[in-house]
Amino acid sequence: MVDKLKKNEGGLWSGTFQAIAYVAPAATAASFLVEETAYVGASTTFVFLLALIGVTSAMYMNYVFSGRISHAGGYYAYVRAGLGPKFGIFSGWLYFINILGALAGFAVLFFAGVLWPLIPQLSSNPYGWIPLAFIPLVLILVLLYRGLKPSLKYTIIGGMIEVGTLIIISVAIIIRLGPHNTFIPFTPHGNSFGHLGLATVYSILGFVGIGSVITLSEELHNPKKIVKKSIVVGMLITAVVYILVSYAMVAGYGINRMTSFSAATDPGFTVVDTYFGPIVMIIFIIITLNSFLSNGIAEGNAFSREGFAMARDGIIFPKSLATVHKKYGSPNKIILIEWVIIVALTLVGGLIFGPFEGAALITAVNGVSLYIVHILANFSLPIYGKKTLKLKLKGLLPLALGPVLATVVYGFAIYGEFVPIPPYPGNVAPYSIIAAVIAGIAITIVLFIKKHPSEMKSIGKEQDHMLEPISEQELEE
């Protein structure tokens, strides 16, 4: 008999800060913001707003599905609910690639890349980033293995401090700018369609972690209500923080200096130092580094739960790995195996491209993988409404139209990644995405041939009870 995850391990704020920790606003300000300015200069806040519109539409899909389905596999259970088990397997594979890339690229390599230049004894050594990479790697392993509650406590405390600090610093910079405040960061400012698309790849990555709370739905208290509320609260807090931070950093650095911003080492730290001095800058550095750590823990929570669900369904991992630690309640075998995979990808990516470039390439792969999964889930929602919920036209329309904008924005971001395909090493990301998609199709075909029809039907389904019908009135609420 397959083990079950522990129930009632957290509530609203546990779910909310799982989402915010995955989003990692301080870490994003120190990493993706640099990548975005390289493409769109001062228009970073505009790109964040563009991403916000699309992600808000995407969260509608999460919101509806999470009120009906509680499954550790998250998105692949949503895709399976409407499009069937074959698409569920394919999306499960891509979601696995997504979180693997997020952990190795963002939580580990970006952490090492940001910290590395700040330590003279290590910055002069081309391999000096490696011991720094093991700081998040070890912390993630220890907290995940010891169960969900310790990791959620860490993310709640760290998230509250992070959000509060970012808001205070950003508002203070805006006040000090006075008459030098400008609307330029809120406009396209002459940027091309392609450049806006590439920047959108990174800005959407700054938001989509909000949906990660769905992977904890088997363990949270009253998940069909708590997960929905966590998505809404996390979305609102993240939106406020990103708009303030992106504007304050760009305007504070100087609109006419954006070329040097994208080429600078840790320009966010420079802005804080310029306006507040070294003491506040050190505090901001600590907050930022902890943001990477909290992000890695939140991603690890999602990764281990999705891996456990796939093992339980016999996807990628054998069912024998779907075990839960008797004392801690963690999916212990999956955590250890996934950790080894993360370490390998971290070292390979960092040694070939360096920590910062390696992180950027890996996160581009994980981003597009997630966009594809989201698009599949968006199409799955109205089909699920018709087939399972038996809704009529009035109830189906919001399910079909609500995620449309998200699908368009995600398609726009995918377009920006492939058109045009950049020269080496930038072309590593799009070709890796193509390879991941082909591998996912191959895995799906093999499993479809090998598995018994009854096993295929059970993929992505809730463990404790069958899905129940929902009224159109409930859906509208």
Protein backbone atom coordinates (compact mmCIF):
# COMPACT_ATOMS: atom_id res chain seq x y z
CA MET A 1 0.00 0.00 0.00
CA VAL A 2 1.29 3.45 -0.95
CA ASP A 3 2.00 5.83 1.92
CA LYS A 4 -0.08 8.98 2.39
CA LEU A 5 1.17 12.48 3.10
CA LYS A 6 0.34 13.95 6.53
CA LYS A 7 -2.78 16.11 6.70
CA ASN A 8 -3.43 19.45 8.45
CA GLU A 9 0.22 20.58 8.30
CA GLY A 10 -0.61 24.24 7.67
CA GLY A 11 -3.28 26.87 7.05
CA LEU A 12 -3.81 30.15 5.17
CA TRP A 13 -0.52 31.84 6.00
CA SER A 14 1.43 28.65 5.42
CA GLY A 15 -0.05 28.46 1.93
CA THR A 16 0.35 32.19 1.29
CA PHE A 17 4.02 32.32 2.22
CA GLN A 18 4.72 29.08 0.36
CA ALA A 19 3.54 31.08 -2.67
CA ILE A 20 5.48 34.24 -1.78
CA ALA A 21 8.66 32.32 -0.92
CA TYR A 22 8.49 30.61 -4.32
CA VAL A 23 8.06 34.03 -5.95
CA ALA A 24 11.08 35.37 -3.96
CA PRO A 25 10.65 39.12 -4.63
CA ALA A 26 14.01 40.20 -3.15
CA ALA A 27 15.90 37.51 -5.05
CA THR A 28 14.07 38.49 -8.24
CA ALA A 29 15.08 42.11 -7.77
CA ALA A 30 18.70 40.97 -7.56
CA SER A 31 18.62 38.60 -10.55
CA PHE A 32 15.78 38.70 -13.09
CA LEU A 33 15.58 42.49 -12.89
CA VAL A 34 19.11 42.62 -14.31
CA GLU A 35 18.14 40.26 -17.15
CA GLU A 36 15.02 42.32 -17.97
CA THR A 37 16.85 45.63 -18.17
CA ALA A 38 19.27 44.05 -20.64
CA TYR A 39 16.31 43.66 -23.03
CA VAL A 40 13.96 46.56 -22.25
CA GLY A 41 16.04 49.09 -20.33
CA ALA A 42 13.91 51.30 -18.12
CA SER A 43 10.61 49.62 -19.07
CA THR A 44 10.89 46.92 -16.44
CA THR A 45 7.81 47.96 -14.48
CA PHE A 46 5.79 47.89 -17.72
CA VAL A 47 6.95 44.32 -18.33
CA PHE A 48 6.03 43.36 -14.76
CA LEU A 49 2.57 44.84 -15.28
CA LEU A 50 2.23 42.91 -18.55
CA ALA A 51 3.20 39.74 -16.74
CA LEU A 52 0.84 40.55 -13.87
CA ILE A 53 -2.13 40.73 -16.23
CA GLY A 54 -1.32 37.36 -17.71
CA VAL A 55 -0.55 35.69 -14.39
CA THR A 56 -3.77 37.04 -12.85
CA SER A 57 -5.64 35.36 -15.69
CA ALA A 58 -3.59 32.20 -15.10
CA MET A 59 -4.41 32.17 -11.40
CA TYR A 60 -8.09 32.02 -12.30
CA MET A 61 -7.43 28.53 -13.59
CA ASN A 62 -5.59 27.63 -10.39
CA TYR A 63 -8.35 29.17 -8.30
CA VAL A 64 -11.13 27.15 -9.92
CA PHE A 65 -9.26 23.84 -10.08
CA SER A 66 -7.93 24.11 -6.50
CA GLY A 67 -11.49 24.39 -5.23
CA ARG A 68 -12.28 21.00 -6.77
CA ILE A 69 -9.04 18.96 -6.89
CA SER A 70 -6.53 18.33 -4.08
CA HIS A 71 -3.54 16.48 -5.47
CA ALA A 72 0.19 16.69 -4.70
CA GLY A 73 0.92 16.56 -8.43
CA GLY A 74 -0.65 19.97 -8.85
CA TYR A 75 -0.80 21.00 -12.50
CA TYR A 76 -0.53 17.54 -13.98
CA ALA A 77 -3.65 16.55 -12.02
CA TYR A 78 -5.41 19.63 -13.43
CA VAL A 79 -4.37 18.80 -17.00
CA ARG A 80 -5.40 15.19 -16.57
CA ALA A 81 -8.82 16.24 -15.24
CA GLY A 82 -9.83 17.72 -18.59
CA LEU A 83 -7.44 16.46 -21.25
CA GLY A 84 -6.95 12.93 -19.96
CA PRO A 85 -4.07 10.85 -18.54
CA LYS A 86 -1.79 11.04 -21.60
CA PHE A 87 -1.65 14.83 -21.43
CA GLY A 88 -1.39 14.48 -17.66
CA ILE A 89 1.79 12.41 -17.99
CA PHE A 90 3.27 14.85 -20.51
CA SER A 91 2.51 17.89 -18.33
CA GLY A 92 3.82 16.06 -15.25
CA TRP A 93 7.16 15.58 -17.00
CA LEU A 94 7.35 19.24 -18.06
CA TYR A 95 6.38 20.43 -14.58
CA PHE A 96 9.15 18.22 -13.20
CA ILE A 97 11.62 19.90 -15.61
CA ASN A 98 10.25 23.28 -14.57
CA ILE A 99 10.83 22.87 -10.84
CA LEU A 100 14.16 21.11 -11.35
CA GLY A 101 15.35 24.09 -13.39
CA ALA A 102 13.93 26.56 -10.89
CA LEU A 103 15.80 24.93 -8.02
CA ALA A 104 19.15 24.46 -9.76
CA GLY A 105 19.01 27.71 -11.73
CA PHE A 106 17.32 30.24 -9.50
CA ALA A 107 17.57 29.05 -5.89
CA VAL A 108 21.10 27.65 -6.12
CA LEU A 109 23.09 29.14 -9.03
CA PHE A 110 21.66 32.65 -8.76
CA PHE A 111 22.30 32.54 -4.99
CA ALA A 112 25.93 31.58 -5.62
CA GLY A 113 26.21 34.12 -8.45
CA VAL A 114 24.94 36.98 -6.30
CA LEU A 115 27.06 36.10 -3.25
CA TRP A 116 30.26 35.13 -5.09
CA PRO A 117 31.43 38.66 -6.09
CA LEU A 118 30.90 39.87 -2.51
CA ILE A 119 33.58 37.57 -1.04
CA PRO A 120 37.08 38.56 -2.28
CA GLN A 121 38.64 35.27 -1.17
CA LEU A 122 36.27 33.36 -3.47
CA SER A 123 35.55 35.82 -6.30
CA SER A 124 39.10 35.51 -7.66
CA ASN A 125 38.71 31.73 -7.92
CA PRO A 126 36.74 30.51 -10.97
CA TYR A 127 35.35 27.67 -8.82
CA GLY A 128 34.74 29.82 -5.76
CA TRP A 129 30.98 29.75 -6.33
CA ILE A 130 30.76 25.97 -5.75
CA PRO A 131 30.97 25.96 -1.92
CA LEU A 132 28.44 28.83 -1.90
CA ALA A 133 26.03 26.77 -4.00
CA PHE A 134 26.02 24.09 -1.30
CA ILE A 135 24.60 26.53 1.28
CA PRO A 136 21.09 26.41 -0.22
CA LEU A 137 21.56 22.80 -1.31
CA VAL A 138 22.23 21.58 2.25
CA LEU A 139 19.56 23.79 3.86
CA ILE A 140 16.94 22.62 1.36
CA LEU A 141 17.79 18.97 1.98
CA VAL A 142 17.68 19.24 5.78
CA LEU A 143 14.42 21.19 6.02
CA LEU A 144 12.59 19.15 3.39
CA TYR A 145 13.63 15.87 4.96
CA ARG A 146 12.41 16.99 8.39
CA GLY A 147 8.88 17.57 7.10
CA LEU A 148 6.55 20.28 5.87
CA LYS A 149 6.00 22.21 9.11
CA PRO A 150 9.65 23.27 9.69
CA SER A 151 10.03 24.45 6.10
CA LEU A 152 6.75 26.41 6.21
CA LYS A 153 7.75 28.09 9.48
CA TYR A 154 11.00 29.18 7.86
CA THR A 155 9.23 30.62 4.83
CA ILE A 156 6.59 32.45 6.91
CA ILE A 157 9.12 34.23 9.13
CA GLY A 158 11.53 34.97 6.29
CA GLY A 159 8.72 36.07 3.97
CA MET A 160 7.24 38.55 6.43
CA ILE A 161 10.63 40.16 7.02
CA GLU A 162 11.41 40.21 3.29
CA VAL A 163 8.13 41.77 2.17
CA GLY A 164 8.21 44.40 4.93
CA THR A 165 11.82 45.38 4.18
CA LEU A 166 11.24 45.66 0.42
CA ILE A 167 8.19 47.86 0.82
CA ILE A 168 9.91 50.20 3.28
CA ILE A 169 13.07 50.54 1.16
CA SER A 170 11.12 51.08 -2.08
CA VAL A 171 8.79 53.72 -0.64
CA ALA A 172 11.75 55.51 0.93
CA ILE A 173 13.59 55.63 -2.44
CA ILE A 174 10.47 56.97 -4.19
CA ILE A 175 10.07 59.69 -1.56
CA ARG A 176 13.72 60.69 -1.83
CA LEU A 177 13.50 60.86 -5.63
CA GLY A 178 10.95 63.65 -5.31
CA PRO A 179 10.64 65.56 -8.61
CA HIS A 180 12.87 63.00 -10.35
CA ASN A 181 10.09 60.41 -10.30
CA THR A 182 8.98 59.48 -13.83
CA PHE A 183 6.36 57.48 -15.77
CA ILE A 184 8.91 56.00 -18.20
CA PRO A 185 9.23 52.63 -16.38
CA PHE A 186 5.46 52.19 -16.86
CA THR A 187 5.69 52.49 -20.68
CA PRO A 188 7.17 50.38 -23.54
CA HIS A 189 9.59 53.27 -24.15
CA GLY A 190 10.31 52.33 -27.79
CA ASN A 191 11.15 48.67 -27.16
CA SER A 192 10.56 46.12 -29.93
CA PHE A 193 7.98 43.32 -29.75
CA GLY A 194 10.73 40.70 -29.55
CA HIS A 195 12.61 42.41 -26.73
CA LEU A 196 9.42 42.82 -24.71
CA GLY A 197 8.76 39.11 -25.25
CA LEU A 198 12.18 38.07 -23.98
CA ALA A 199 11.84 40.30 -20.92
CA THR A 200 8.40 38.84 -20.29
CA VAL A 201 9.95 35.37 -20.00
CA TYR A 202 11.82 36.55 -16.92
CA SER A 203 9.11 38.78 -15.44
CA ILE A 204 6.46 36.05 -15.57
CA LEU A 205 8.92 33.79 -13.77
CA GLY A 206 8.79 36.36 -11.01
CA PHE A 207 5.07 35.69 -10.48
CA VAL A 208 4.14 32.13 -11.39
CA GLY A 209 5.40 30.54 -8.18
CA ILE A 210 2.20 31.68 -6.56
CA GLY A 211 0.52 28.59 -7.98
CA SER A 212 3.02 26.28 -6.22
CA VAL A 213 0.74 26.10 -3.18
CA ILE A 214 -1.45 23.62 -5.09
CA THR A 215 1.21 20.93 -4.62
CA LEU A 216 0.66 21.13 -0.84
CA SER A 217 -3.10 20.66 -1.14
CA GLU A 218 -3.07 17.14 0.28
CA GLU A 219 -1.35 18.40 3.45
CA LEU A 220 -2.98 21.77 4.22
CA HIS A 221 -6.01 22.15 6.44
CA ASN A 222 -9.30 22.35 4.47
CA PRO A 223 -7.35 22.61 1.19
CA LYS A 224 -10.27 23.34 -1.16
CA LYS A 225 -10.76 26.65 0.67
CA ILE A 226 -7.29 27.43 1.98
CA VAL A 227 -5.46 26.98 -1.33
CA LYS A 228 -7.88 29.34 -3.11
CA LYS A 229 -7.44 32.01 -0.43
CA SER A 230 -3.66 31.58 -0.43
CA ILE A 231 -3.55 32.18 -4.18
CA VAL A 232 -5.53 35.42 -3.90
CA VAL A 233 -3.65 36.82 -0.87
CA GLY A 234 -0.25 35.81 -2.29
CA MET A 235 -1.10 37.41 -5.63
CA LEU A 236 -2.10 40.73 -4.05
CA ILE A 237 0.99 40.96 -1.83
CA THR A 238 3.33 40.01 -4.67
CA ALA A 239 1.80 42.54 -7.07
CA VAL A 240 2.31 45.43 -4.64
CA VAL A 241 5.89 44.43 -3.87
CA TYR A 242 6.98 43.94 -7.50
CA ILE A 243 5.51 47.18 -8.77
CA LEU A 244 7.17 49.16 -5.97
CA VAL A 245 10.54 47.39 -6.17
CA SER A 246 10.89 47.37 -9.96
CA TYR A 247 10.09 51.07 -10.16
CA ALA A 248 12.23 52.11 -7.19
CA MET A 249 15.30 50.21 -8.42
CA VAL A 250 15.12 51.52 -11.99
CA ALA A 251 14.21 55.11 -11.15
CA GLY A 252 16.63 55.11 -8.24
CA TYR A 253 19.51 53.93 -10.40
CA GLY A 254 18.72 56.43 -13.14
CA ILE A 255 16.64 56.09 -16.31
CA ASN A 256 19.52 57.22 -18.51
CA ARG A 257 21.94 54.71 -16.97
CA MET A 258 20.06 51.49 -17.76
CA THR A 259 22.83 50.15 -20.00
CA SER A 260 25.22 50.10 -17.09
CA PHE A 261 22.47 48.69 -14.81
CA SER A 262 22.24 45.49 -16.84
CA ALA A 263 26.03 45.21 -17.00
CA ALA A 264 26.65 45.98 -13.32
CA THR A 265 27.34 43.46 -10.56
CA ASP A 266 24.40 43.47 -8.13
CA PRO A 267 23.01 46.91 -9.15
CA GLY A 268 20.16 46.60 -6.63
CA PHE A 269 22.68 46.59 -3.82
CA THR A 270 24.29 49.68 -5.37
CA VAL A 271 20.97 51.55 -5.35
CA VAL A 272 20.32 50.75 -1.70
CA ASP A 273 23.88 51.73 -0.74
CA THR A 274 23.56 55.03 -2.63
CA TYR A 275 20.35 56.04 -0.86
CA PHE A 276 20.83 54.56 2.62
CA GLY A 277 24.49 53.70 3.19
CA PRO A 278 26.37 50.46 3.94
CA ILE A 279 24.39 49.32 7.01
CA VAL A 280 21.04 49.21 5.20
CA MET A 281 22.77 47.71 2.16
CA ILE A 282 24.12 44.86 4.29
CA ILE A 283 20.62 44.25 5.68
CA PHE A 284 19.26 44.22 2.12
CA ILE A 285 21.96 41.77 1.03
CA ILE A 286 21.06 39.42 3.88
CA ILE A 287 17.35 39.69 3.04
CA THR A 288 18.10 38.97 -0.62
CA LEU A 289 20.28 35.96 0.10
CA ASN A 290 17.64 34.56 2.46
CA SER A 291 15.07 35.13 -0.30
CA PHE A 292 16.99 32.67 -2.48
CA LEU A 293 17.05 30.20 0.43
CA SER A 294 13.32 30.56 1.13
CA ASN A 295 12.66 30.19 -2.58
CA GLY A 296 14.67 26.97 -2.68
CA ILE A 297 12.71 25.58 0.27
CA ALA A 298 9.36 26.48 -1.33
CA GLU A 299 10.47 25.02 -4.67
CA GLY A 300 11.72 21.95 -2.84
CA ASN A 301 8.32 21.52 -1.19
CA ALA A 302 6.63 21.62 -4.59
CA PHE A 303 9.28 19.45 -6.26
CA SER A 304 9.17 16.70 -3.64
CA ARG A 305 5.35 16.61 -3.58
CA GLU A 306 5.11 16.45 -7.37
CA GLY A 307 7.79 13.75 -7.41
CA PHE A 308 5.92 11.80 -4.73
CA ALA A 309 2.67 12.07 -6.69
CA MET A 310 4.36 10.88 -9.88
CA ALA A 311 5.94 7.94 -8.06
CA ARG A 312 2.53 7.10 -6.60
CA ASP A 313 1.13 7.10 -10.14
CA GLY A 314 4.15 5.29 -11.59
CA ILE A 315 5.29 8.23 -13.74
CA ILE A 316 9.08 8.65 -14.18
CA PHE A 317 9.70 7.18 -10.69
CA PRO A 318 8.73 3.63 -9.62
CA LYS A 319 5.89 3.28 -7.11
CA SER A 320 8.34 1.88 -4.54
CA LEU A 321 9.69 5.42 -4.06
CA ALA A 322 6.29 6.78 -2.96
CA THR A 323 7.15 6.44 0.73
CA VAL A 324 6.70 8.82 3.65
CA HIS A 325 9.11 9.10 6.61
CA LYS A 326 7.46 7.58 9.68
CA LYS A 327 8.56 10.40 12.01
CA TYR A 328 8.72 13.51 9.80
CA GLY A 329 5.99 12.72 7.28
CA SER A 330 8.22 13.79 4.38
CA PRO A 331 8.45 11.92 1.04
CA ASN A 332 11.97 10.90 2.07
CA LYS A 333 13.11 8.69 -0.83
CA ILE A 334 11.95 11.15 -3.47
CA ILE A 335 13.64 14.04 -1.64
CA LEU A 336 17.02 12.26 -1.62
CA ILE A 337 16.84 11.23 -5.29
CA GLU A 338 15.68 14.66 -6.47
CA TRP A 339 18.41 16.32 -4.40
CA VAL A 340 21.09 14.32 -6.20
CA ILE A 341 19.60 15.37 -9.56
CA ILE A 342 19.57 19.03 -8.48
CA VAL A 343 23.23 18.88 -7.41
CA ALA A 344 24.22 17.34 -10.74
CA LEU A 345 22.39 19.97 -12.82
CA THR A 346 23.80 22.77 -10.65
CA LEU A 347 27.39 21.64 -11.12
CA VAL A 348 27.04 20.94 -14.84
CA GLY A 349 25.33 24.26 -15.59
CA GLY A 350 27.66 26.29 -13.39
CA LEU A 351 30.89 24.69 -14.59
CA ILE A 352 30.02 25.08 -18.27
CA PHE A 353 28.50 28.58 -18.26
CA GLY A 354 29.37 30.07 -14.87
CA PRO A 355 26.80 30.54 -12.08
CA PHE A 356 25.04 33.64 -13.39
CA GLU A 357 24.84 32.72 -17.10
CA GLY A 358 24.09 29.12 -16.20
CA ALA A 359 21.26 30.23 -13.94
CA ALA A 360 19.77 32.46 -16.65
CA LEU A 361 19.81 29.66 -19.24
CA ILE A 362 18.39 27.03 -16.90
CA THR A 363 15.60 29.31 -15.67
CA ALA A 364 14.63 30.13 -19.25
CA VAL A 365 14.15 26.38 -19.83
CA ASN A 366 12.14 25.95 -16.65
CA GLY A 367 10.04 29.01 -17.48
CA VAL A 368 8.93 27.89 -20.93
CA SER A 369 8.27 24.37 -19.61
CA LEU A 370 5.88 25.85 -17.07
CA TYR A 371 4.20 28.07 -19.67
CA ILE A 372 3.38 25.00 -21.75
CA VAL A 373 1.91 23.25 -18.70
CA HIS A 374 -0.16 26.33 -17.87
CA ILE A 375 -1.51 26.53 -21.41
CA LEU A 376 -2.51 22.86 -21.29
CA ALA A 377 -4.22 23.42 -17.92
CA ASN A 378 -6.02 26.47 -19.34
CA PHE A 379 -7.48 24.31 -22.14
CA SER A 380 -8.23 21.54 -19.66
CA LEU A 381 -10.41 23.76 -17.45
CA PRO A 382 -13.48 24.23 -19.72
CA ILE A 383 -13.31 20.59 -20.86
CA TYR A 384 -13.30 19.55 -17.21
CA GLY A 385 -16.26 21.84 -16.62
CA LYS A 386 -18.24 20.19 -19.40
CA LYS A 387 -17.24 16.55 -18.91
CA THR A 388 -17.01 16.28 -15.12
CA LEU A 389 -18.91 19.23 -13.68
CA LYS A 390 -21.68 18.95 -16.31
CA LEU A 391 -21.90 22.72 -16.67
CA LYS A 392 -24.03 24.44 -19.26
CA LEU A 393 -22.97 27.37 -21.46
CA LYS A 394 -23.35 30.01 -18.72
CA GLY A 395 -21.02 28.11 -16.42
CA LEU A 396 -18.57 27.14 -19.15
CA LEU A 397 -17.98 30.64 -20.51
CA PRO A 398 -15.89 31.93 -17.56
CA LEU A 399 -13.87 28.71 -17.56
CA ALA A 400 -13.10 29.14 -21.25
CA LEU A 401 -12.60 32.93 -21.30
CA GLY A 402 -10.95 33.48 -17.89
CA PRO A 403 -7.58 31.91 -18.83
CA VAL A 404 -7.52 33.23 -22.43
CA LEU A 405 -5.37 36.24 -21.65
CA ALA A 406 -2.91 34.03 -19.74
CA THR A 407 -2.63 31.72 -22.73
CA VAL A 408 -1.90 34.69 -25.00
CA VAL A 409 0.75 36.12 -22.65
CA TYR A 410 2.39 32.72 -22.13
CA GLY A 411 2.39 32.22 -25.90
CA PHE A 412 3.97 35.66 -26.24
CA ALA A 413 6.69 34.68 -23.76
CA ILE A 414 7.37 31.41 -25.61
CA TYR A 415 7.59 33.37 -28.86
CA GLY A 416 10.15 35.68 -27.26
CA GLU A 417 12.29 32.69 -26.30
CA PHE A 418 12.39 31.22 -29.83
CA VAL A 419 12.15 34.23 -32.17
CA PRO A 420 14.88 34.87 -32.90
CA ILE A 421 16.96 32.04 -31.48
CA PRO A 422 20.00 33.81 -30.03
CA PRO A 423 23.62 32.78 -30.68
CA TYR A 424 25.51 30.48 -28.34
CA PRO A 425 25.23 30.21 -25.38
CA GLY A 426 21.75 31.75 -25.51
CA ASN A 427 20.56 29.09 -27.95
CA VAL A 428 21.15 26.37 -25.33
CA ALA A 429 17.84 27.24 -23.65
CA PRO A 430 15.48 26.94 -26.67
CA TYR A 431 17.17 23.76 -27.91
CA SER A 432 16.96 22.27 -24.41
CA ILE A 433 13.24 23.09 -24.33
CA ILE A 434 12.74 21.26 -27.62
CA ALA A 435 14.65 18.27 -26.24
CA ALA A 436 12.51 18.29 -23.06
CA VAL A 437 9.29 18.32 -25.08
CA ILE A 438 10.47 15.43 -27.28
CA ALA A 439 11.51 13.46 -24.18
CA GLY A 440 8.11 14.13 -22.62
CA ILE A 441 6.30 12.83 -25.70
CA ALA A 442 8.49 9.71 -25.71
CA ILE A 443 7.86 9.05 -22.00
CA THR A 444 4.12 9.46 -22.52
CA ILE A 445 4.08 7.00 -25.43
CA VAL A 446 6.12 4.40 -23.52
CA LEU A 447 3.91 4.63 -20.41
CA PHE A 448 0.74 4.51 -22.49
CA ILE A 449 1.95 1.28 -24.12
CA LYS A 450 3.21 -0.32 -20.89
CA LYS A 451 0.45 0.64 -18.45
CA HIS A 452 -2.83 -1.19 -18.06
CA PRO A 453 -5.91 0.94 -18.92
CA SER A 454 -6.98 0.89 -15.25
CA GLU A 455 -3.58 2.32 -14.24
CA MET A 456 -3.88 5.06 -16.86
CA LYS A 457 -7.29 6.05 -15.50
CA SER A 458 -5.94 6.43 -11.96
CA ILE A 459 -3.17 8.88 -12.96
CA GLY A 460 -3.68 12.31 -11.40
CA LYS A 461 -6.85 11.37 -9.52
CA GLU A 462 -7.47 12.27 -5.90
CA GLN A 463 -6.64 9.55 -3.42
CA ASP A 464 -9.37 9.84 -0.81
CA HIS A 465 -12.54 10.52 -2.76
CA MET A 466 -13.85 10.92 -6.28
CA LEU A 467 -14.49 14.34 -7.76
CA GLU A 468 -17.90 15.70 -6.91
CA PRO A 469 -20.14 17.82 -9.15
CA ILE A 470 -20.30 21.54 -8.56
CA SER A 471 -23.17 23.90 -9.24
CA GLU A 472 -22.89 26.92 -11.52
CA GLN A 473 -23.74 29.13 -8.53
CA GLU A 474 -20.79 27.72 -6.55
CA LEU A 475 -18.47 28.25 -9.52
CA GLU A 476 -19.57 31.88 -9.93
CA GLU A 477 -18.84 32.48 -6.25
